[in-house]
């Protein structure tokens, strides 16, 4: 007597396995999509790390610093989001920056490029450099010498000058902002400027390395001229250095990594 084989068990296997594979693939795709959305949301709305590639903010920021940038400090514009989609004009939940803030913003001549500078002037402020000294609303901004300072810039050039502690008047009732600047010379246009009056809806930005910074003192049409910066271009405030690497060797030479890490700049506050 022959025994018929039941087709049920085989058909269950044939049906269940593909369904399980499809379900597993679907869960993976959904998980990846949620992860991407979460990363985009955090990067757009909360914080974003930025690398410092140039020396325009020496001595406050060093080449190779990775700074934490608070995206909600000034509200949100199209430049808060990846690829800067033209979703709306102006700022949502906007807040005016404070004088003395170190801020990331989009370059006025090419908004795909991020700049980081110190906000020195707000709408209505009068800014002028005279004899290498900064004047705000007709009053010289006080500074105290901290002695000689030397450092290499991104082109391996030696910057040799005087380090000062500057006390920039605060805004909106805040205390003065004490921070360090580097002066290499008191000569040249950047040290003897006309008086600038910051228009409404804009701010005036300068680098802490006062003689090696393309900033709002340069108002022309040259490729490095920043001019007044629209408030809409603000990306966020930089309150802290997360970590820092002194990249004097190619990145693939991993055996140099431990000695190139600047351990003293971990979670270093930006003032």
C-alpha atoms as a PDB file:
ATOM      1  CA  UNK A   1       0.000   0.000   0.000  1.00  0.00           C
ATOM      2  CA  UNK A   2       1.420   3.299  -1.017  1.00  0.00           C
ATOM      3  CA  UNK A   3       1.201   6.341   1.259  1.00  0.00           C
ATOM      4  CA  UNK A   4       0.428   9.648  -0.333  1.00  0.00           C
ATOM      5  CA  UNK A   5       2.623  12.528   0.667  1.00  0.00           C
ATOM      6  CA  UNK A   6       0.753  15.484   2.000  1.00  0.00           C
ATOM      7  CA  UNK A   7       1.389  18.665   0.010  1.00  0.00           C
ATOM      8  CA  UNK A   8       0.452  20.884   2.974  1.00  0.00           C
ATOM      9  CA  UNK A   9       3.780  20.904   4.810  1.00  0.00           C
ATOM     10  CA  UNK A  10       5.766  21.569   1.683  1.00  0.00           C
ATOM     11  CA  UNK A  11       3.436  24.339   0.556  1.00  0.00           C
ATOM     12  CA  UNK A  12       3.687  26.009   3.986  1.00  0.00           C
ATOM     13  CA  UNK A  13       7.438  26.037   3.684  1.00  0.00           C
ATOM     14  CA  UNK A  14       7.226  27.317   0.153  1.00  0.00           C
ATOM     15  CA  UNK A  15       4.848  30.100   1.221  1.00  0.00           C
ATOM     16  CA  UNK A  16       6.283  31.083   4.603  1.00  0.00           C
ATOM     17  CA  UNK A  17       9.930  31.542   3.716  1.00  0.00           C
ATOM     18  CA  UNK A  18       9.461  34.167   0.991  1.00  0.00           C
ATOM     19  CA  UNK A  19       6.940  36.021   3.173  1.00  0.00           C
ATOM     20  CA  UNK A  20       9.391  36.023   6.067  1.00  0.00           C
ATOM     21  CA  UNK A  21      12.147  37.290   3.817  1.00  0.00           C
ATOM     22  CA  UNK A  22       9.899  40.049   2.464  1.00  0.00           C
ATOM     23  CA  UNK A  23       8.852  41.052   5.979  1.00  0.00           C
ATOM     24  CA  UNK A  24      12.468  41.117   7.161  1.00  0.00           C
ATOM     25  CA  UNK A  25      13.515  43.240   4.159  1.00  0.00           C
ATOM     26  CA  UNK A  26      10.611  45.602   4.747  1.00  0.00           C
ATOM     27  CA  UNK A  27      11.540  46.041   8.414  1.00  0.00           C
ATOM     28  CA  UNK A  28      15.141  46.783   7.456  1.00  0.00           C
ATOM     29  CA  UNK A  29      14.084  49.405   4.913  1.00  0.00           C
ATOM     30  CA  UNK A  30      11.714  51.024   7.424  1.00  0.00           C
ATOM     31  CA  UNK A  31      14.432  51.028  10.116  1.00  0.00           C
ATOM     32  CA  UNK A  32      16.953  52.623   7.746  1.00  0.00           C
ATOM     33  CA  UNK A  33      14.403  55.226   6.651  1.00  0.00           C
ATOM     34  CA  UNK A  34      13.637  56.119  10.269  1.00  0.00           C
ATOM     35  CA  UNK A  35      17.340  56.383  11.047  1.00  0.00           C
ATOM     36  CA  UNK A  36      17.894  58.704   8.072  1.00  0.00           C
ATOM     37  CA  UNK A  37      14.929  60.858   9.107  1.00  0.00           C
ATOM     38  CA  UNK A  38      16.194  61.012  12.695  1.00  0.00           C
ATOM     39  CA  UNK A  39      19.696  62.052  11.584  1.00  0.00           C
ATOM     40  CA  UNK A  40      18.286  64.709   9.224  1.00  0.00           C
ATOM     41  CA  UNK A  41      15.963  66.013  11.959  1.00  0.00           C
ATOM     42  CA  UNK A  42      18.743  66.253  14.555  1.00  0.00           C
ATOM     43  CA  UNK A  43      21.167  67.818  12.063  1.00  0.00           C
ATOM     44  CA  UNK A  44      18.540  70.298  10.879  1.00  0.00           C
ATOM     45  CA  UNK A  45      16.855  71.255  14.133  1.00  0.00           C
ATOM     46  CA  UNK A  46      19.172  70.512  17.060  1.00  0.00           C
ATOM     47  CA  UNK A  47      22.912  70.525  16.393  1.00  0.00           C
ATOM     48  CA  UNK A  48      25.531  69.908  13.734  1.00  0.00           C
ATOM     49  CA  UNK A  49      29.311  69.425  13.958  1.00  0.00           C
ATOM     50  CA  UNK A  50      31.544  71.669  11.860  1.00  0.00           C
ATOM     51  CA  UNK A  51      35.248  71.388  11.112  1.00  0.00           C
ATOM     52  CA  UNK A  52      37.488  74.480  11.212  1.00  0.00           C
ATOM     53  CA  UNK A  53      39.644  74.451   8.039  1.00  0.00           C
ATOM     54  CA  UNK A  54      41.227  77.921   8.229  1.00  0.00           C
ATOM     55  CA  UNK A  55      42.958  80.224  10.696  1.00  0.00           C
ATOM     56  CA  UNK A  56      40.618  83.229  10.544  1.00  0.00           C
ATOM     57  CA  UNK A  57      39.343  82.591  14.098  1.00  0.00           C
ATOM     58  CA  UNK A  58      42.756  81.979  15.739  1.00  0.00           C
ATOM     59  CA  UNK A  59      43.342  82.047  18.709  1.00  0.00           C
ATOM     60  CA  UNK A  60      39.711  81.288  19.685  1.00  0.00           C
ATOM     61  CA  UNK A  61      39.425  78.389  17.239  1.00  0.00           C
ATOM     62  CA  UNK A  62      42.311  76.307  15.940  1.00  0.00           C
ATOM     63  CA  UNK A  63      42.624  74.633  12.546  1.00  0.00           C
ATOM     64  CA  UNK A  64      41.368  71.078  13.055  1.00  0.00           C
ATOM     65  CA  UNK A  65      38.788  71.954  15.721  1.00  0.00           C
ATOM     66  CA  UNK A  66      35.400  70.275  15.438  1.00  0.00           C
ATOM     67  CA  UNK A  67      32.780  72.573  16.920  1.00  0.00           C
ATOM     68  CA  UNK A  68      29.271  71.854  18.112  1.00  0.00           C
ATOM     69  CA  UNK A  69      26.784  74.269  16.519  1.00  0.00           C
ATOM     70  CA  UNK A  70      23.414  74.874  18.135  1.00  0.00           C
ATOM     71  CA  UNK A  71      20.859  75.060  15.306  1.00  0.00           C
ATOM     72  CA  UNK A  72      17.959  76.418  17.394  1.00  0.00           C
ATOM     73  CA  UNK A  73      19.824  79.420  18.842  1.00  0.00           C
ATOM     74  CA  UNK A  74      18.630  81.790  16.123  1.00  0.00           C
ATOM     75  CA  UNK A  75      15.597  79.943  14.791  1.00  0.00           C
ATOM     76  CA  UNK A  76      15.436  78.280  11.397  1.00  0.00           C
ATOM     77  CA  UNK A  77      15.807  79.347   7.792  1.00  0.00           C
ATOM     78  CA  UNK A  78      16.216  77.413   4.558  1.00  0.00           C
ATOM     79  CA  UNK A  79      19.936  77.197   5.386  1.00  0.00           C
ATOM     80  CA  UNK A  80      19.192  75.143   8.497  1.00  0.00           C
ATOM     81  CA  UNK A  81      18.381  72.147   6.316  1.00  0.00           C
ATOM     82  CA  UNK A  82      20.562  69.905   4.144  1.00  0.00           C
ATOM     83  CA  UNK A  83      20.801  71.154   0.539  1.00  0.00           C
ATOM     84  CA  UNK A  84      19.073  74.441   1.605  1.00  0.00           C
ATOM     85  CA  UNK A  85      15.646  73.722   0.043  1.00  0.00           C
ATOM     86  CA  UNK A  86      13.739  76.892  -0.831  1.00  0.00           C
ATOM     87  CA  UNK A  87      10.866  76.096   1.535  1.00  0.00           C
ATOM     88  CA  UNK A  88      10.303  79.593   2.929  1.00  0.00           C
ATOM     89  CA  UNK A  89      11.859  83.043   3.230  1.00  0.00           C
ATOM     90  CA  UNK A  90      13.222  84.619   6.390  1.00  0.00           C
ATOM     91  CA  UNK A  91      13.419  82.773   9.707  1.00  0.00           C
ATOM     92  CA  UNK A  92      10.946  80.687  11.672  1.00  0.00           C
ATOM     93  CA  UNK A  93      11.082  81.046  15.477  1.00  0.00           C
ATOM     94  CA  UNK A  94      13.819  83.591  14.739  1.00  0.00           C
ATOM     95  CA  UNK A  95      15.929  85.169  17.452  1.00  0.00           C
ATOM     96  CA  UNK A  96      18.457  87.956  16.915  1.00  0.00           C
ATOM     97  CA  UNK A  97      22.055  86.960  17.660  1.00  0.00           C
ATOM     98  CA  UNK A  98      23.998  88.647  20.428  1.00  0.00           C
ATOM     99  CA  UNK A  99      27.065  90.757  19.943  1.00  0.00           C
ATOM    100  CA  UNK A 100      30.100  88.589  20.628  1.00  0.00           C
ATOM    101  CA  UNK A 101      28.517  85.307  19.494  1.00  0.00           C
ATOM    102  CA  UNK A 102      30.693  82.965  17.444  1.00  0.00           C
ATOM    103  CA  UNK A 103      28.314  81.921  14.681  1.00  0.00           C
ATOM    104  CA  UNK A 104      28.187  79.721  11.598  1.00  0.00           C
ATOM    105  CA  UNK A 105      26.466  81.266   8.581  1.00  0.00           C
ATOM    106  CA  UNK A 106      26.328  80.917   4.820  1.00  0.00           C
ATOM    107  CA  UNK A 107      28.776  82.938   2.746  1.00  0.00           C
ATOM    108  CA  UNK A 108      27.092  85.912   1.099  1.00  0.00           C
ATOM    109  CA  UNK A 109      28.514  85.237  -2.381  1.00  0.00           C
ATOM    110  CA  UNK A 110      28.027  81.481  -2.374  1.00  0.00           C
ATOM    111  CA  UNK A 111      25.461  80.105   0.063  1.00  0.00           C
ATOM    112  CA  UNK A 112      26.722  76.555  -0.345  1.00  0.00           C
ATOM    113  CA  UNK A 113      29.787  77.550   1.739  1.00  0.00           C
ATOM    114  CA  UNK A 114      29.750  77.774   5.550  1.00  0.00           C
ATOM    115  CA  UNK A 115      31.664  80.532   7.331  1.00  0.00           C
ATOM    116  CA  UNK A 116      32.368  80.915  11.032  1.00  0.00           C
ATOM    117  CA  UNK A 117      33.136  84.352  12.506  1.00  0.00           C
ATOM    118  CA  UNK A 118      32.381  86.489  15.542  1.00  0.00           C
ATOM    119  CA  UNK A 119      29.352  88.775  15.393  1.00  0.00           C
ATOM    120  CA  UNK A 120      30.738  92.225  16.171  1.00  0.00           C
ATOM    121  CA  UNK A 121      27.934  94.496  14.960  1.00  0.00           C
ATOM    122  CA  UNK A 122      24.130  94.309  15.014  1.00  0.00           C
ATOM    123  CA  UNK A 123      21.584  96.418  13.094  1.00  0.00           C
ATOM    124  CA  UNK A 124      22.204 100.107  13.715  1.00  0.00           C
ATOM    125  CA  UNK A 125      25.737  99.638  15.101  1.00  0.00           C
ATOM    126  CA  UNK A 126      28.573 101.841  13.837  1.00  0.00           C
ATOM    127  CA  UNK A 127      31.801  99.848  13.271  1.00  0.00           C
ATOM    128  CA  UNK A 128      35.241 101.180  12.414  1.00  0.00           C
ATOM    129  CA  UNK A 129      38.888 100.110  12.605  1.00  0.00           C
ATOM    130  CA  UNK A 130      41.349 102.953  13.295  1.00  0.00           C
ATOM    131  CA  UNK A 131      45.057 102.338  13.756  1.00  0.00           C
ATOM    132  CA  UNK A 132      44.396  98.622  14.217  1.00  0.00           C
ATOM    133  CA  UNK A 133      41.878  99.221  17.017  1.00  0.00           C
ATOM    134  CA  UNK A 134      38.170  98.408  16.935  1.00  0.00           C
ATOM    135  CA  UNK A 135      35.624 101.168  17.578  1.00  0.00           C
ATOM    136  CA  UNK A 136      31.977 100.381  18.258  1.00  0.00           C
ATOM    137  CA  UNK A 137      29.454 103.221  18.175  1.00  0.00           C
ATOM    138  CA  UNK A 138      32.273 105.745  18.498  1.00  0.00           C
ATOM    139  CA  UNK A 139      33.893 104.109  21.546  1.00  0.00           C
ATOM    140  CA  UNK A 140      37.151 102.140  21.432  1.00  0.00           C
ATOM    141  CA  UNK A 141      36.622  98.510  22.407  1.00  0.00           C
ATOM    142  CA  UNK A 142      38.985  97.862  25.355  1.00  0.00           C
ATOM    143  CA  UNK A 143      41.708  95.259  25.029  1.00  0.00           C
ATOM    144  CA  UNK A 144      44.639  94.053  27.143  1.00  0.00           C
ATOM    145  CA  UNK A 145      47.889  92.597  25.803  1.00  0.00           C
ATOM    146  CA  UNK A 146      48.578  88.945  26.651  1.00  0.00           C
ATOM    147  CA  UNK A 147      51.996  88.904  25.024  1.00  0.00           C
ATOM    148  CA  UNK A 148      53.564  87.528  21.869  1.00  0.00           C
ATOM    149  CA  UNK A 149      51.822  84.700  19.998  1.00  0.00           C
ATOM    150  CA  UNK A 150      52.888  82.458  17.102  1.00  0.00           C
ATOM    151  CA  UNK A 151      50.985  79.793  15.198  1.00  0.00           C
ATOM    152  CA  UNK A 152      50.944  78.161  11.750  1.00  0.00           C
ATOM    153  CA  UNK A 153      47.950  78.784   9.493  1.00  0.00           C
ATOM    154  CA  UNK A 154      46.275  76.380   7.044  1.00  0.00           C
ATOM    155  CA  UNK A 155      48.976  77.132   4.445  1.00  0.00           C
ATOM    156  CA  UNK A 156      51.746  76.381   6.950  1.00  0.00           C
ATOM    157  CA  UNK A 157      52.663  80.071   7.152  1.00  0.00           C
ATOM    158  CA  UNK A 158      53.880  81.436  10.465  1.00  0.00           C
ATOM    159  CA  UNK A 159      51.510  83.982  12.024  1.00  0.00           C
ATOM    160  CA  UNK A 160      53.544  86.028  14.480  1.00  0.00           C
ATOM    161  CA  UNK A 161      51.925  88.838  16.425  1.00  0.00           C
ATOM    162  CA  UNK A 162      50.377  90.095  19.643  1.00  0.00           C
ATOM    163  CA  UNK A 163      47.591  88.334  21.494  1.00  0.00           C
ATOM    164  CA  UNK A 164      44.999  90.538  23.211  1.00  0.00           C
ATOM    165  CA  UNK A 165      42.025  89.963  25.498  1.00  0.00           C
ATOM    166  CA  UNK A 166      39.237  92.085  24.009  1.00  0.00           C
ATOM    167  CA  UNK A 167      36.076  93.064  25.893  1.00  0.00           C
ATOM    168  CA  UNK A 168      33.275  93.454  23.357  1.00  0.00           C
ATOM    169  CA  UNK A 169      30.170  95.237  24.713  1.00  0.00           C
ATOM    170  CA  UNK A 170      27.261  92.842  25.123  1.00  0.00           C
ATOM    171  CA  UNK A 171      23.836  93.353  23.594  1.00  0.00           C
ATOM    172  CA  UNK A 172      20.268  93.179  24.935  1.00  0.00           C
ATOM    173  CA  UNK A 173      21.496  93.856  28.474  1.00  0.00           C
ATOM    174  CA  UNK A 174      24.133  91.129  28.482  1.00  0.00           C
ATOM    175  CA  UNK A 175      27.562  91.514  30.065  1.00  0.00           C
ATOM    176  CA  UNK A 176      30.611  92.280  27.892  1.00  0.00           C
ATOM    177  CA  UNK A 177      32.039  89.316  25.999  1.00  0.00           C
ATOM    178  CA  UNK A 178      35.717  88.782  26.858  1.00  0.00           C
ATOM    179  CA  UNK A 179      37.601  86.885  24.169  1.00  0.00           C
ATOM    180  CA  UNK A 180      41.069  86.674  22.651  1.00  0.00           C
ATOM    181  CA  UNK A 181      42.154  88.164  19.344  1.00  0.00           C
ATOM    182  CA  UNK A 182      45.406  88.055  17.345  1.00  0.00           C
ATOM    183  CA  UNK A 183      46.957  91.179  15.815  1.00  0.00           C
ATOM    184  CA  UNK A 184      49.739  90.778  13.257  1.00  0.00           C
ATOM    185  CA  UNK A 185      49.983  94.414  12.163  1.00  0.00           C
ATOM    186  CA  UNK A 186      48.282  97.791  12.477  1.00  0.00           C
ATOM    187  CA  UNK A 187      48.843  98.663   8.818  1.00  0.00           C
ATOM    188  CA  UNK A 188      46.657  98.264   5.756  1.00  0.00           C
ATOM    189  CA  UNK A 189      43.049  98.857   4.799  1.00  0.00           C
ATOM    190  CA  UNK A 190      41.607  96.346   7.285  1.00  0.00           C
ATOM    191  CA  UNK A 191      43.121  98.393  10.132  1.00  0.00           C
ATOM    192  CA  UNK A 192      41.998 101.832   8.909  1.00  0.00           C
ATOM    193  CA  UNK A 193      38.507 101.516   7.524  1.00  0.00           C
ATOM    194  CA  UNK A 194      35.591 103.821   6.857  1.00  0.00           C
ATOM    195  CA  UNK A 195      32.753 103.782   9.357  1.00  0.00           C
ATOM    196  CA  UNK A 196      30.261 101.021   8.655  1.00  0.00           C
ATOM    197  CA  UNK A 197      26.599 101.317   9.700  1.00  0.00           C
ATOM    198  CA  UNK A 198      24.962  97.894   9.912  1.00  0.00           C
ATOM    199  CA  UNK A 199      21.620  97.839   8.019  1.00  0.00           C
ATOM    200  CA  UNK A 200      18.436  96.363   9.439  1.00  0.00           C
ATOM    201  CA  UNK A 201      18.211  92.621   8.850  1.00  0.00           C
ATOM    202  CA  UNK A 202      21.997  92.193   8.711  1.00  0.00           C
ATOM    203  CA  UNK A 203      24.981  91.731  11.029  1.00  0.00           C
ATOM    204  CA  UNK A 204      28.691  92.571  10.866  1.00  0.00           C
ATOM    205  CA  UNK A 205      31.125  89.660  11.303  1.00  0.00           C
ATOM    206  CA  UNK A 206      34.871  89.646  11.938  1.00  0.00           C
ATOM    207  CA  UNK A 207      37.519  86.993  12.498  1.00  0.00           C
ATOM    208  CA  UNK A 208      39.438  86.927  15.780  1.00  0.00           C
ATOM    209  CA  UNK A 209      42.624  86.758  13.710  1.00  0.00           C
ATOM    210  CA  UNK A 210      42.034  90.353  12.714  1.00  0.00           C
ATOM    211  CA  UNK A 211      44.702  90.536  10.022  1.00  0.00           C
ATOM    212  CA  UNK A 212      44.074  87.189   8.337  1.00  0.00           C
ATOM    213  CA  UNK A 213      40.301  87.186   7.956  1.00  0.00           C
ATOM    214  CA  UNK A 214      38.062  87.909   4.951  1.00  0.00           C
ATOM    215  CA  UNK A 215      35.114  89.433   6.786  1.00  0.00           C
ATOM    216  CA  UNK A 216      32.534  92.246   6.778  1.00  0.00           C
ATOM    217  CA  UNK A 217      35.225  94.932   6.538  1.00  0.00           C
ATOM    218  CA  UNK A 218      35.513  93.965   2.880  1.00  0.00           C
ATOM    219  CA  UNK A 219      32.428  95.293   1.122  1.00  0.00           C
ATOM    220  CA  UNK A 220      33.340  95.023  -2.550  1.00  0.00           C
ATOM    221  CA  UNK A 221      32.642  92.444  -5.235  1.00  0.00           C
ATOM    222  CA  UNK A 222      35.906  90.553  -4.868  1.00  0.00           C
ATOM    223  CA  UNK A 223      35.802  86.757  -4.477  1.00  0.00           C
ATOM    224  CA  UNK A 224      36.700  86.991  -0.774  1.00  0.00           C
ATOM    225  CA  UNK A 225      34.549  90.004   0.157  1.00  0.00           C
ATOM    226  CA  UNK A 226      31.935  89.128   2.758  1.00  0.00           C
ATOM    227  CA  UNK A 227      30.097  92.414   3.340  1.00  0.00           C
ATOM    228  CA  UNK A 228      27.116  92.649   5.676  1.00  0.00           C
ATOM    229  CA  UNK A 229      25.577  89.230   6.335  1.00  0.00           C
ATOM    230  CA  UNK A 230      21.776  88.737   6.114  1.00  0.00           C
ATOM    231  CA  UNK A 231      20.203  87.337   9.276  1.00  0.00           C
ATOM    232  CA  UNK A 232      18.631  84.661   7.070  1.00  0.00           C
ATOM    233  CA  UNK A 233      22.109  83.235   6.399  1.00  0.00           C
ATOM    234  CA  UNK A 234      22.613  82.273  10.058  1.00  0.00           C
ATOM    235  CA  UNK A 235      22.993  78.533  10.652  1.00  0.00           C
ATOM    236  CA  UNK A 236      23.703  78.433  14.384  1.00  0.00           C
ATOM    237  CA  UNK A 237      25.863  79.440  17.323  1.00  0.00           C
ATOM    238  CA  UNK A 238      29.109  77.612  18.161  1.00  0.00           C
ATOM    239  CA  UNK A 239      29.380  77.354  21.976  1.00  0.00           C
ATOM    240  CA  UNK A 240      31.862  74.485  22.253  1.00  0.00           C
ATOM    241  CA  UNK A 241      34.758  72.609  20.662  1.00  0.00           C
ATOM    242  CA  UNK A 242      33.906  68.900  20.713  1.00  0.00           C
ATOM    243  CA  UNK A 243      37.440  67.706  19.910  1.00  0.00           C
ATOM    244  CA  UNK A 244      40.455  68.832  17.936  1.00  0.00           C
ATOM    245  CA  UNK A 245      43.080  67.203  15.703  1.00  0.00           C
ATOM    246  CA  UNK A 246      46.351  68.750  14.563  1.00  0.00           C
ATOM    247  CA  UNK A 247      46.485  67.211  11.088  1.00  0.00           C
ATOM    248  CA  UNK A 248      50.151  67.588  10.208  1.00  0.00           C
ATOM    249  CA  UNK A 249      50.247  64.157   8.531  1.00  0.00           C
ATOM    250  CA  UNK A 250      47.950  62.495   5.955  1.00  0.00           C
ATOM    251  CA  UNK A 251      44.853  60.930   7.516  1.00  0.00           C
ATOM    252  CA  UNK A 252      45.861  57.430   6.375  1.00  0.00           C
ATOM    253  CA  UNK A 253      48.957  57.557   8.602  1.00  0.00           C
ATOM    254  CA  UNK A 254      46.884  56.397  11.539  1.00  0.00           C
ATOM    255  CA  UNK A 255      49.914  55.821  13.776  1.00  0.00           C
ATOM    256  CA  UNK A 256      50.179  59.608  14.178  1.00  0.00           C
ATOM    257  CA  UNK A 257      46.557  59.971  15.375  1.00  0.00           C
ATOM    258  CA  UNK A 258      47.262  59.656  19.125  1.00  0.00           C
ATOM    259  CA  UNK A 259      49.919  62.383  19.086  1.00  0.00           C
ATOM    260  CA  UNK A 260      47.867  64.683  16.836  1.00  0.00           C
ATOM    261  CA  UNK A 261      44.827  64.778  19.112  1.00  0.00           C
ATOM    262  CA  UNK A 262      44.692  67.994  21.128  1.00  0.00           C
ATOM    263  CA  UNK A 263      43.509  66.478  24.378  1.00  0.00           C
ATOM    264  CA  UNK A 264      43.237  69.867  26.074  1.00  0.00           C
ATOM    265  CA  UNK A 265      40.539  70.982  23.619  1.00  0.00           C
ATOM    266  CA  UNK A 266      38.001  68.234  24.341  1.00  0.00           C
ATOM    267  CA  UNK A 267      34.683  69.930  25.219  1.00  0.00           C
ATOM    268  CA  UNK A 268      36.479  73.272  25.259  1.00  0.00           C
ATOM    269  CA  UNK A 269      34.035  76.228  25.621  1.00  0.00           C
ATOM    270  CA  UNK A 270      34.084  78.864  22.888  1.00  0.00           C
ATOM    271  CA  UNK A 271      34.108  82.397  24.305  1.00  0.00           C
END
